[in-house]
Protein backbone atom coordinates (compact mmCIF):
# COMPACT_ATOMS: atom_id res chain seq x y z
CA UNK A 1 -71.11 24.28 -32.94
CA UNK A 2 -72.67 20.93 -32.49
CA UNK A 3 -76.40 20.35 -33.54
CA UNK A 4 -78.68 18.34 -30.92
CA UNK A 5 -81.82 16.80 -32.34
CA UNK A 6 -84.65 15.56 -30.43
CA UNK A 7 -88.06 14.30 -32.52
CA UNK A 8 -91.46 14.66 -30.87
CA UNK A 9 -95.07 13.71 -32.08
CA UNK A 10 -98.15 15.74 -32.00
CA UNK A 11 -101.73 14.92 -32.75
CA UNK A 12 -101.80 11.48 -31.68
CA UNK A 13 -98.23 10.49 -33.23
CA UNK A 14 -99.36 11.36 -36.85
CA UNK A 15 -96.87 14.17 -37.47
CA UNK A 16 -93.25 14.45 -36.86
CA UNK A 17 -91.48 17.71 -35.69
CA UNK A 18 -87.90 17.79 -34.93
CA UNK A 19 -86.14 20.05 -32.39
CA UNK A 20 -82.75 21.43 -33.04
CA UNK A 21 -80.64 23.01 -30.74
CA UNK A 22 -77.82 25.21 -31.76
CA UNK A 23 -75.69 26.40 -28.33
CA UNK A 24 -78.89 27.72 -26.08
CA UNK A 25 -81.48 28.35 -29.00
CA UNK A 26 -84.05 25.94 -30.00
CA UNK A 27 -85.25 25.69 -33.73
CA UNK A 28 -88.22 24.16 -34.74
CA UNK A 29 -88.08 21.98 -38.04
CA UNK A 30 -91.71 20.19 -38.99
CA UNK A 31 -91.80 17.57 -40.97
CA UNK A 32 -92.94 17.54 -44.63
CA UNK A 33 -96.95 17.56 -44.80
CA UNK A 34 -97.32 19.22 -41.25
CA UNK A 35 -100.54 21.26 -41.17
CA UNK A 36 -100.45 24.13 -38.43
CA UNK A 37 -103.74 23.74 -36.89
CA UNK A 38 -103.12 26.18 -34.12
CA UNK A 39 -102.13 25.80 -30.37
CA UNK A 40 -104.58 23.09 -30.15
CA UNK A 41 -102.42 20.34 -29.29
CA UNK A 42 -100.37 20.26 -25.90
CA UNK A 43 -97.50 18.70 -27.65
CA UNK A 44 -97.39 21.68 -30.37
CA UNK A 45 -97.99 24.46 -27.96
CA UNK A 46 -95.30 23.25 -25.66
CA UNK A 47 -92.50 23.00 -28.81
CA UNK A 48 -93.88 26.42 -30.40
CA UNK A 49 -92.87 28.01 -26.91
CA UNK A 50 -89.10 26.63 -27.58
CA UNK A 51 -89.33 28.87 -30.61
CA UNK A 52 -90.02 31.98 -28.47
CA UNK A 53 -87.37 31.14 -25.56
CA UNK A 54 -83.67 30.91 -25.44
CA UNK A 55 -82.76 28.19 -23.13
CA UNK A 56 -79.46 29.28 -20.96
CA UNK A 57 -77.15 26.27 -20.31
CA UNK A 58 -75.29 26.98 -17.04
CA UNK A 59 -71.91 25.28 -16.46
CA UNK A 60 -72.43 22.56 -13.85
CA UNK A 61 -70.35 23.48 -10.31
CA UNK A 62 -67.12 21.76 -9.81
CA UNK A 63 -65.98 19.62 -6.91
CA UNK A 64 -62.72 21.02 -5.53
CA UNK A 65 -60.34 20.10 -2.63
CA UNK A 66 -60.17 22.63 -0.22
CA UNK A 67 -58.18 20.83 2.52
CA UNK A 68 -56.06 17.83 3.22
CA UNK A 69 -55.14 16.09 6.66
CA UNK A 70 -52.78 13.14 7.15
CA UNK A 71 -52.42 11.03 10.53
CA UNK A 72 -50.29 8.01 11.08
CA UNK A 73 -52.52 5.22 12.61
CA UNK A 74 -50.01 2.35 12.82
CA UNK A 75 -47.86 -0.25 11.07
CA UNK A 76 -48.26 -3.29 8.88
CA UNK A 77 -46.00 -5.93 7.59
CA UNK A 78 -45.88 -7.41 4.04
CA UNK A 79 -43.10 -10.12 4.30
CA UNK A 80 -39.65 -8.45 5.21
CA UNK A 81 -41.20 -4.88 4.55
CA UNK A 82 -42.69 -2.73 7.25
CA UNK A 83 -45.11 0.07 6.18
CA UNK A 84 -46.55 2.80 7.95
CA UNK A 85 -50.16 3.49 7.40
CA UNK A 86 -51.48 7.16 6.96
CA UNK A 87 -55.33 8.02 7.02
CA UNK A 88 -55.58 10.65 4.72
CA UNK A 89 -58.82 13.13 4.74
CA UNK A 90 -59.70 15.33 1.80
CA UNK A 91 -62.16 18.20 2.33
CA UNK A 92 -64.31 18.70 -0.57
CA UNK A 93 -66.49 21.48 -1.76
CA UNK A 94 -68.09 23.05 -4.83
CA UNK A 95 -67.64 26.02 -6.90
CA UNK A 96 -70.57 28.45 -7.36
CA UNK A 97 -71.99 27.60 -10.90
CA UNK A 98 -71.57 29.85 -13.62
CA UNK A 99 -75.61 30.94 -14.16
CA UNK A 100 -77.14 34.44 -14.23
CA UNK A 101 -79.58 33.31 -11.60
CA UNK A 102 -76.72 32.73 -9.13
CA UNK A 103 -76.65 36.51 -8.62
CA UNK A 104 -80.27 36.84 -7.21
CA UNK A 105 -81.24 33.30 -6.09
CA UNK A 106 -79.51 32.10 -2.91
CA UNK A 107 -80.12 28.43 -3.78
CA UNK A 108 -77.79 28.87 -6.45
CA UNK A 109 -75.16 29.87 -4.15
CA UNK A 110 -75.27 26.79 -1.85
CA UNK A 111 -72.14 25.09 -0.91
CA UNK A 112 -72.01 21.23 -0.39
CA UNK A 113 -68.82 20.29 1.59
CA UNK A 114 -68.20 16.69 2.15
CA UNK A 115 -65.02 14.42 3.10
CA UNK A 116 -63.19 11.78 1.22
CA UNK A 117 -61.07 9.47 3.54
CA UNK A 118 -58.44 6.69 2.48
CA UNK A 119 -55.34 5.24 3.89
CA UNK A 120 -51.92 5.05 2.12
CA UNK A 121 -49.19 2.67 3.05
CA UNK A 122 -45.78 4.03 3.02
CA UNK A 123 -42.40 2.22 3.11
CA UNK A 124 -40.63 2.58 6.47
CA UNK A 125 -38.11 -0.09 6.88
CA UNK A 126 -36.72 -3.55 6.29
CA UNK A 127 -36.76 -6.47 8.83
CA UNK A 128 -33.05 -6.70 9.95
CA UNK A 129 -32.85 -10.40 9.30
CA UNK A 130 -33.86 -10.41 6.00
CA UNK A 131 -32.28 -10.45 2.85
CA UNK A 132 -33.69 -7.53 1.49
CA UNK A 133 -32.07 -5.47 4.45
CA UNK A 134 -28.77 -6.98 3.71
CA UNK A 135 -28.95 -6.22 0.24
CA UNK A 136 -30.44 -2.43 0.56
CA UNK A 137 -27.99 -1.56 3.31
CA UNK A 138 -24.51 -2.77 1.29
CA UNK A 139 -26.12 -0.98 -1.65
CA UNK A 140 -26.42 2.38 0.41
CA UNK A 141 -22.75 2.01 1.91
CA UNK A 142 -21.20 1.53 -1.41
CA UNK A 143 -23.09 3.45 -4.20
CA UNK A 144 -21.75 6.81 -3.01
CA UNK A 145 -19.84 8.32 -6.08
CA UNK A 146 -20.57 4.90 -8.10
CA UNK A 147 -22.09 5.29 -11.69
CA UNK A 148 -23.65 2.65 -13.95
CA UNK A 149 -20.76 2.66 -16.58
CA UNK A 150 -19.13 -0.77 -16.57
CA UNK A 151 -16.24 -0.34 -18.82
CA UNK A 152 -14.59 3.20 -19.71
CA UNK A 153 -13.63 1.85 -22.80
CA UNK A 154 -15.10 -0.93 -25.09
CA UNK A 155 -14.54 -0.70 -28.76
CA UNK A 156 -13.60 -2.89 -31.63
CA UNK A 157 -10.81 -2.00 -33.87
CA UNK A 158 -11.12 -2.38 -37.85
CA UNK A 159 -9.49 -5.43 -37.62
CA UNK A 160 -11.81 -7.16 -34.70
CA UNK A 161 -12.43 -10.15 -34.34
CA UNK A 162 -8.74 -11.05 -36.03
CA UNK A 163 -7.57 -8.58 -33.23
CA UNK A 164 -9.06 -8.35 -29.91
CA UNK A 165 -11.25 -5.41 -28.75
CA UNK A 166 -9.95 -2.55 -26.58
CA UNK A 167 -11.68 -2.90 -22.95
CA UNK A 168 -10.80 -0.97 -19.70
CA UNK A 169 -12.96 -1.34 -16.44
CA UNK A 170 -14.65 1.55 -15.04
CA UNK A 171 -13.13 2.05 -11.68
CA UNK A 172 -16.27 3.99 -10.39
CA UNK A 173 -18.65 1.40 -11.73
CA UNK A 174 -21.61 0.03 -9.36
CA UNK A 175 -20.00 -3.53 -9.83
CA UNK A 176 -16.19 -2.55 -9.72
CA UNK A 177 -14.44 -4.83 -6.93
CA UNK A 178 -17.23 -7.15 -6.57
CA UNK A 179 -16.56 -10.91 -6.96
CA UNK A 180 -18.02 -12.35 -10.31
CA UNK A 181 -17.66 -8.98 -12.22
CA UNK A 182 -14.98 -10.60 -14.38
CA UNK A 183 -17.66 -13.05 -15.55
CA UNK A 184 -18.99 -10.64 -17.72
CA UNK A 185 -18.02 -10.93 -21.27
CA UNK A 186 -17.79 -7.63 -23.08
CA UNK A 187 -18.00 -9.05 -26.56
CA UNK A 188 -18.07 -12.17 -28.53
CA UNK A 189 -18.18 -12.78 -32.46
CA UNK A 190 -21.71 -14.16 -32.15
CA UNK A 191 -23.21 -10.96 -30.67
CA UNK A 192 -25.80 -9.12 -32.85
CA UNK A 193 -25.25 -5.50 -32.66
CA UNK A 194 -22.47 -4.28 -30.05
CA UNK A 195 -23.08 -5.66 -26.87
CA UNK A 196 -26.27 -7.82 -27.71
CA UNK A 197 -26.57 -11.47 -26.68
CA UNK A 198 -23.97 -11.18 -24.05
CA UNK A 199 -21.89 -14.05 -22.42
CA UNK A 200 -21.99 -14.51 -18.77
CA UNK A 201 -19.41 -17.33 -17.05
CA UNK A 202 -20.85 -19.77 -14.66
CA UNK A 203 -17.87 -22.28 -14.68
CA UNK A 204 -14.30 -21.76 -15.74
CA UNK A 205 -15.28 -23.40 -19.12
CA UNK A 206 -19.01 -22.65 -19.75
CA UNK A 207 -20.76 -19.25 -20.28
CA UNK A 208 -24.41 -18.65 -20.47
CA UNK A 209 -26.65 -16.67 -22.89
CA UNK A 210 -30.09 -16.45 -24.30
CA UNK A 211 -31.74 -19.50 -25.73
CA UNK A 212 -34.38 -18.10 -28.27
CA UNK A 213 -32.46 -17.15 -31.68
CA UNK A 214 -29.55 -19.17 -30.68
CA UNK A 215 -30.32 -22.32 -33.51
CA UNK A 216 -31.86 -25.62 -33.24
CA UNK A 217 -33.04 -26.71 -29.67
CA UNK A 218 -30.03 -29.45 -28.26
CA UNK A 219 -26.56 -30.30 -28.60
CA UNK A 220 -24.76 -28.81 -31.47
CA UNK A 221 -21.60 -27.21 -32.84
CA UNK A 222 -23.31 -23.77 -34.56
CA UNK A 223 -20.97 -21.40 -32.75
CA UNK A 224 -17.78 -23.65 -32.69
CA UNK A 225 -14.70 -21.96 -33.47
CA UNK A 226 -15.97 -18.55 -32.62
CA UNK A 227 -13.93 -16.18 -30.12
CA UNK A 228 -15.16 -14.66 -27.01
CA UNK A 229 -13.41 -12.25 -24.71
CA UNK A 230 -13.22 -11.84 -20.82
CA UNK A 231 -11.45 -8.94 -18.99
CA UNK A 232 -9.64 -9.49 -15.94
CA UNK A 233 -9.30 -7.06 -13.12
CA UNK A 234 -5.75 -5.48 -14.30
CA UNK A 235 -7.64 -5.14 -17.62
CA UNK A 236 -5.87 -7.88 -19.43
CA UNK A 237 -7.94 -9.58 -22.03
CA UNK A 238 -8.69 -13.20 -21.97
CA UNK A 239 -9.57 -15.16 -25.27
CA UNK A 240 -11.93 -18.39 -25.36
CA UNK A 241 -12.71 -20.40 -28.41
CA UNK A 242 -16.25 -21.84 -28.34
CA UNK A 243 -16.28 -25.82 -29.03
CA UNK A 244 -19.69 -26.60 -28.67
CA UNK A 245 -23.16 -25.86 -26.92
CA UNK A 246 -26.62 -26.73 -25.75
CA UNK A 247 -29.69 -24.79 -26.54
CA UNK A 248 -32.85 -25.05 -24.79
CA UNK A 249 -35.82 -22.82 -25.98
CA UNK A 250 -38.60 -24.85 -25.63
CA UNK A 251 -40.39 -26.07 -22.27
CA UNK A 252 -38.81 -29.24 -20.32
CA UNK A 253 -40.71 -32.44 -19.92
CA UNK A 254 -42.27 -31.04 -16.75
CA UNK A 255 -43.22 -28.24 -18.55
CA UNK A 256 -40.91 -25.62 -16.96
CA UNK A 257 -39.89 -22.78 -18.95
CA UNK A 258 -36.54 -22.86 -20.45
CA UNK A 259 -34.57 -20.39 -22.54
CA UNK A 260 -31.02 -20.44 -22.36
CA UNK A 261 -27.79 -21.59 -24.00
CA UNK A 262 -24.49 -22.87 -22.74
CA UNK A 263 -21.31 -22.28 -24.56
CA UNK A 264 -18.23 -24.84 -23.74
CA UNK A 265 -14.86 -23.40 -24.27
CA UNK A 266 -11.89 -24.98 -25.90
CA UNK A 267 -10.12 -24.71 -22.34
CA UNK A 268 -10.60 -23.39 -18.80
CA UNK A 269 -10.51 -19.53 -18.15
CA UNK A 270 -7.77 -18.54 -15.94
CA UNK A 271 -7.99 -17.77 -12.25
CA UNK A 272 -8.13 -14.16 -12.97
CA UNK A 273 -11.81 -14.64 -14.31
CA UNK A 274 -14.15 -15.71 -11.59
CA UNK A 275 -17.28 -17.42 -12.90
CA UNK A 276 -20.34 -16.03 -11.23
CA UNK A 277 -22.13 -17.85 -8.51
CA UNK A 278 -25.67 -18.62 -9.08
CA UNK A 279 -29.44 -18.72 -7.41
CA UNK A 280 -32.39 -20.62 -8.40
CA UNK A 281 -34.68 -17.91 -9.17
CA UNK A 282 -38.03 -19.40 -7.44
CA UNK A 283 -35.97 -19.97 -4.37
CA UNK A 284 -34.32 -16.41 -4.51
CA UNK A 285 -37.98 -15.22 -4.87
CA UNK A 286 -38.96 -16.83 -1.33
CA UNK A 287 -36.13 -15.09 0.27
CA UNK A 288 -35.99 -11.73 -1.67
CA UNK A 289 -39.80 -11.52 -2.48
CA UNK A 290 -40.44 -8.40 -4.97
CA UNK A 291 -42.55 -5.81 -3.37
CA UNK A 292 -46.30 -5.97 -4.01
CA UNK A 293 -47.38 -2.85 -2.14
CA UNK A 294 -46.13 0.60 -2.19
CA UNK A 295 -42.45 2.16 -3.21
CA UNK A 296 -39.91 -0.40 -1.91
CA UNK A 297 -36.37 -0.22 -2.66
CA UNK A 298 -35.51 -3.77 -4.26
CA UNK A 299 -32.24 -3.70 -6.01
CA UNK A 300 -31.39 -6.22 -8.64
CA UNK A 301 -28.25 -5.37 -10.83
CA UNK A 302 -29.04 -5.81 -14.81
CA UNK A 303 -26.48 -5.28 -17.49
CA UNK A 304 -27.57 -3.95 -20.84
CA UNK A 305 -25.83 -4.13 -24.31
CA UNK A 306 -24.77 -0.39 -23.95
CA UNK A 307 -22.33 -1.23 -21.52
CA UNK A 308 -24.07 -0.31 -18.26
CA UNK A 309 -25.54 -1.67 -15.15
CA UNK A 310 -28.75 -0.67 -13.74
CA UNK A 311 -29.19 -1.03 -10.01
CA UNK A 312 -33.26 -1.04 -10.11
CA UNK A 313 -33.09 1.79 -7.54
CA UNK A 314 -33.52 5.41 -8.83
CA UNK A 315 -31.47 7.45 -10.35
CA UNK A 316 -29.17 4.67 -10.71
CA UNK A 317 -31.37 2.98 -13.59
CA UNK A 318 -31.50 2.55 -17.03
CA UNK A 319 -33.69 0.59 -19.85
CA UNK A 320 -32.41 -2.88 -19.83
CA UNK A 321 -35.42 -4.11 -21.92
CA UNK A 322 -34.41 -3.20 -25.37
CA UNK A 323 -34.28 -5.65 -28.34
CA UNK A 324 -30.96 -7.50 -28.05
CA UNK A 325 -30.70 -7.18 -24.20
CA UNK A 326 -32.35 -10.59 -23.89
CA UNK A 327 -29.90 -12.94 -22.10
CA UNK A 328 -28.00 -10.09 -20.15
CA UNK A 329 -27.90 -11.31 -16.55
CA UNK A 330 -30.01 -10.40 -13.57
CA UNK A 331 -27.79 -10.40 -10.46
CA UNK A 332 -28.56 -10.10 -7.05
CA UNK A 333 -25.82 -7.83 -5.22
CA UNK A 334 -24.86 -9.35 -2.08
CA UNK A 335 -22.23 -7.81 0.16
CA UNK A 336 -18.76 -8.01 -2.21
CA UNK A 337 -20.26 -10.48 -4.71
CA UNK A 338 -22.85 -10.75 -7.82
CA UNK A 339 -25.13 -13.70 -7.66
CA UNK A 340 -26.67 -14.71 -11.13
CA UNK A 341 -30.20 -16.17 -11.05
CA UNK A 342 -31.81 -15.44 -14.67
CA UNK A 343 -31.09 -13.79 -17.84
CA UNK A 344 -33.28 -10.63 -19.26
CA UNK A 345 -36.48 -12.53 -20.52
CA UNK A 346 -34.75 -15.94 -20.09
CA UNK A 347 -34.70 -18.59 -17.71
CA UNK A 348 -32.09 -19.14 -14.92
CA UNK A 349 -30.00 -21.82 -13.60
CA UNK A 350 -31.50 -25.30 -12.96
CA UNK A 351 -30.54 -28.84 -11.96
CA UNK A 352 -31.32 -29.43 -15.76
CA UNK A 353 -28.95 -26.82 -16.58
CA UNK A 354 -26.15 -28.39 -14.59
CA UNK A 355 -26.90 -31.58 -16.31
CA UNK A 356 -26.65 -30.15 -19.66
CA UNK A 357 -23.11 -29.05 -18.73
CA UNK A 358 -22.32 -32.54 -17.69
CA UNK A 359 -23.27 -33.89 -20.94
CA UNK A 360 -21.29 -31.01 -22.86
CA UNK A 361 -18.39 -32.37 -20.59
CA UNK A 362 -18.92 -35.64 -21.58
CA UNK A 363 -19.07 -34.97 -25.30
CA UNK A 364 -15.48 -33.23 -25.03
CA UNK A 365 -14.31 -35.87 -22.89
CA UNK A 366 -13.38 -33.64 -19.64
CA UNK A 367 -14.21 -34.28 -16.06
CA UNK A 368 -17.76 -32.70 -15.34
CA UNK A 369 -17.15 -32.83 -11.37
CA UNK A 370 -14.70 -29.88 -12.22
CA UNK A 371 -17.33 -27.96 -13.69
CA UNK A 372 -20.36 -27.34 -11.55
CA UNK A 373 -22.68 -24.34 -10.73
CA UNK A 374 -21.65 -22.74 -7.59
CA UNK A 375 -24.97 -22.60 -5.85
CA UNK A 376 -25.51 -19.60 -3.26
CA UNK A 377 -26.89 -20.68 0.34
CA UNK A 378 -29.84 -18.19 1.17
CA UNK A 379 -30.98 -20.64 3.97
CA UNK A 380 -29.50 -18.00 6.72
CA UNK A 381 -32.23 -15.73 5.52
CA UNK A 382 -35.96 -16.04 6.42
CA UNK A 383 -38.32 -17.32 3.65
CA UNK A 384 -41.87 -15.37 2.97
């Protein structure tokens, strides 16, 4: 039991008396040299009384909710989102204190009712002309019977990477049949653990991955000669060999965050592999703002090293922020097409990235005009 101590003085403050409390009993301890002079001092008489009286410690009354009511009072908007506003009223009261006197003293049995009123915004709908509405209705129409597994089979034989991986598309995947899905590489020789540091094809000759941990900043041949694989919709494997790369893992001259690597292959990917279209992440945020109020559906497709894709909408979600997921593509699921706008914890496509792609082409003496990022036009959707 915890011991509580208070200190008092008597006889003009010359002598110290300590009062200890164990539970509900007070015990007096007189300081060394204290001389009992009878109950002549008011302080002494008061403290001595504590020796004779056991003081009960009543448990305080608790406040409880005895009723709740909810009433709709209107609507509000936040960007493309429409909320219904509810007025919530909680009726509060108190429990009876656990005190012996409560049985005989009506004052101890008094009730103290009160009200606590607040408002709550609940998602109601999306503006029908918004990009949010376009993505959400498409998501609802195409997720029945789908799951998060991208490939039903993805493994390395003992002879890998001399021999190619074994990969088969899952036709029940969230992304199955969407344009741009074949831009996802199941593996490459430069990955860390299986599925880590993934590649995403953005042109027929260039793939994206993270910038940090990929070597020195700038143009180099750090990964030259390493193999990467892509899978066509008919499950045929496509092998590509890396020639050179550009890595950006520091801020640009204008202070913009940069964290990406662009790898250039030795040849074009075949038509069976569709590079993913891109969108500027800042522009996307203007047209597809992330919700700041309430529980609003906001689907973003994100792959992860385990070979699954999270939709951002429960229950079709999975942890996509594990070590090694950096650079995994963040994708906007438009009707029938995936749009790349950034990597996991890494920066998205910019005009500077296109200039880096152009320079890689110049170094390999190929026509850069053939390898331009395919930008998605979002201007038909309202900005917020």
